[in-house]
Amino acid sequence: MVKVKARGSESLDQLLKRFKKACEKEGLTRELKRVAFYEKPSVIKSRKTRQSLKRKLQASQTNKTGAV
C-alpha cells in the first residue's frame, strides 16, 4: 500500500506527482496494466521466458565485467 503525506505547503499537483512516482516504484501501475486485459497462456509463457533470458544475460554480463 502506497502512502504519501503532504509536506508543508506542497501543492496538490506535487503531491500527486510524488504519489504516481511511488506507485511506479512499487510496480503497481505495471501490475494494473498487466491484469487489465486477458493474456493467453502462450503469451504469458513467452513473456516469462523472455524475462528469464534477460535476467541470465544480465547476470552473465555482470560476471564478465568483474563486478561482484
C-alpha atoms as a PDB file:
ATOM      1  CA  MET A   1       0.000   0.000   0.000  1.00  0.00           C
ATOM      2  CA  VAL A   2       1.438   3.322  -1.061  1.00  0.00           C
ATOM      3  CA  LYS A   3       1.013   6.233   1.329  1.00  0.00           C
ATOM      4  CA  VAL A   4       2.114   9.792   0.686  1.00  0.00           C
ATOM      5  CA  LYS A   5       1.866  12.510   3.310  1.00  0.00           C
ATOM      6  CA  ALA A   6       1.641  16.142   2.307  1.00  0.00           C
ATOM      7  CA  ARG A   7       4.688  18.225   3.110  1.00  0.00           C
ATOM      8  CA  GLY A   8       4.338  21.761   4.438  1.00  0.00           C
ATOM      9  CA  SER A   9       2.999  23.976   1.677  1.00  0.00           C
ATOM     10  CA  GLU A  10       3.142  21.318  -1.053  1.00  0.00           C
ATOM     11  CA  SER A  11       0.645  21.782  -3.863  1.00  0.00           C
ATOM     12  CA  LEU A  12      -1.794  19.090  -4.873  1.00  0.00           C
ATOM     13  CA  ASP A  13      -0.004  18.665  -8.207  1.00  0.00           C
ATOM     14  CA  GLN A  14       3.312  17.997  -6.477  1.00  0.00           C
ATOM     15  CA  LEU A  15       1.660  15.548  -4.095  1.00  0.00           C
ATOM     16  CA  LEU A  16       0.013  13.700  -6.972  1.00  0.00           C
ATOM     17  CA  LYS A  17       3.341  13.553  -8.818  1.00  0.00           C
ATOM     18  CA  ARG A  18       5.040  12.021  -5.766  1.00  0.00           C
ATOM     19  CA  PHE A  19       2.194   9.504  -5.410  1.00  0.00           C
ATOM     20  CA  LYS A  20       2.474   8.426  -9.044  1.00  0.00           C
ATOM     21  CA  LYS A  21       6.233   8.052  -8.698  1.00  0.00           C
ATOM     22  CA  ALA A  22       5.779   5.911  -5.575  1.00  0.00           C
ATOM     23  CA  CYS A  23       3.262   3.722  -7.423  1.00  0.00           C
ATOM     24  CA  GLU A  24       5.730   3.260 -10.288  1.00  0.00           C
ATOM     25  CA  LYS A  25       8.464   2.329  -7.846  1.00  0.00           C
ATOM     26  CA  GLU A  26       6.228  -0.269  -6.178  1.00  0.00           C
ATOM     27  CA  GLY A  27       5.258  -1.709  -9.557  1.00  0.00           C
ATOM     28  CA  LEU A  28       1.548  -1.098  -9.048  1.00  0.00           C
ATOM     29  CA  THR A  29       0.933   0.577 -12.397  1.00  0.00           C
ATOM     30  CA  ARG A  30       2.683  -2.231 -14.265  1.00  0.00           C
ATOM     31  CA  GLU A  31       0.616  -4.806 -12.372  1.00  0.00           C
ATOM     32  CA  LEU A  32      -2.629  -2.957 -13.091  1.00  0.00           C
ATOM     33  CA  LYS A  33      -1.823  -2.811 -16.801  1.00  0.00           C
ATOM     34  CA  ARG A  34      -0.912  -6.494 -16.785  1.00  0.00           C
ATOM     35  CA  VAL A  35      -4.193  -7.655 -15.248  1.00  0.00           C
ATOM     36  CA  ALA A  36      -6.399  -5.161 -17.098  1.00  0.00           C
ATOM     37  CA  PHE A  37      -6.582  -7.388 -20.186  1.00  0.00           C
ATOM     38  CA  TYR A  38      -6.729 -11.130 -20.659  1.00  0.00           C
ATOM     39  CA  GLU A  39      -3.461 -12.726 -21.691  1.00  0.00           C
ATOM     40  CA  LYS A  40      -3.412 -16.096 -23.362  1.00  0.00           C
ATOM     41  CA  PRO A  41      -1.351 -18.733 -21.557  1.00  0.00           C
ATOM     42  CA  SER A  42       1.043 -18.920 -24.522  1.00  0.00           C
ATOM     43  CA  VAL A  43       1.697 -15.176 -24.255  1.00  0.00           C
ATOM     44  CA  ILE A  44       2.329 -15.474 -20.512  1.00  0.00           C
ATOM     45  CA  LYS A  45       4.774 -18.332 -21.106  1.00  0.00           C
ATOM     46  CA  SER A  46       6.679 -16.453 -23.805  1.00  0.00           C
ATOM     47  CA  ARG A  47       6.880 -13.306 -21.634  1.00  0.00           C
ATOM     48  CA  LYS A  48       8.249 -15.284 -18.698  1.00  0.00           C
ATOM     49  CA  THR A  49      10.779 -16.979 -20.985  1.00  0.00           C
ATOM     50  CA  ARG A  50      11.949 -13.601 -22.315  1.00  0.00           C
ATOM     51  CA  GLN A  51      12.283 -12.256 -18.773  1.00  0.00           C
ATOM     52  CA  SER A  52      14.298 -15.280 -17.711  1.00  0.00           C
ATOM     53  CA  LEU A  53      16.648 -14.929 -20.675  1.00  0.00           C
ATOM     54  CA  LYS A  54      17.069 -11.235 -19.918  1.00  0.00           C
ATOM     55  CA  ARG A  55      17.996 -11.986 -16.290  1.00  0.00           C
ATOM     56  CA  LYS A  56      20.503 -14.653 -17.373  1.00  0.00           C
ATOM     57  CA  LEU A  57      22.065 -12.312 -19.932  1.00  0.00           C
ATOM     58  CA  GLN A  58      22.415  -9.522 -17.373  1.00  0.00           C
ATOM     59  CA  ALA A  59      23.961 -11.928 -14.862  1.00  0.00           C
ATOM     60  CA  SER A  60      26.481 -13.204 -17.392  1.00  0.00           C
ATOM     61  CA  GLN A  61      27.404  -9.644 -18.426  1.00  0.00           C
ATOM     62  CA  THR A  62      27.909  -8.703 -14.783  1.00  0.00           C
ATOM     63  CA  ASN A  63      30.221 -11.681 -14.307  1.00  0.00           C
ATOM     64  CA  LYS A  64      32.239 -10.791 -17.432  1.00  0.00           C
ATOM     65  CA  THR A  65      32.872  -7.227 -16.264  1.00  0.00           C
ATOM     66  CA  GLY A  66      34.308  -8.479 -12.991  1.00  0.00           C
ATOM     67  CA  ALA A  67      31.699  -6.836 -10.781  1.00  0.00           C
ATOM     68  CA  VAL A  68      30.642  -8.945  -7.842  1.00  0.00           C
END
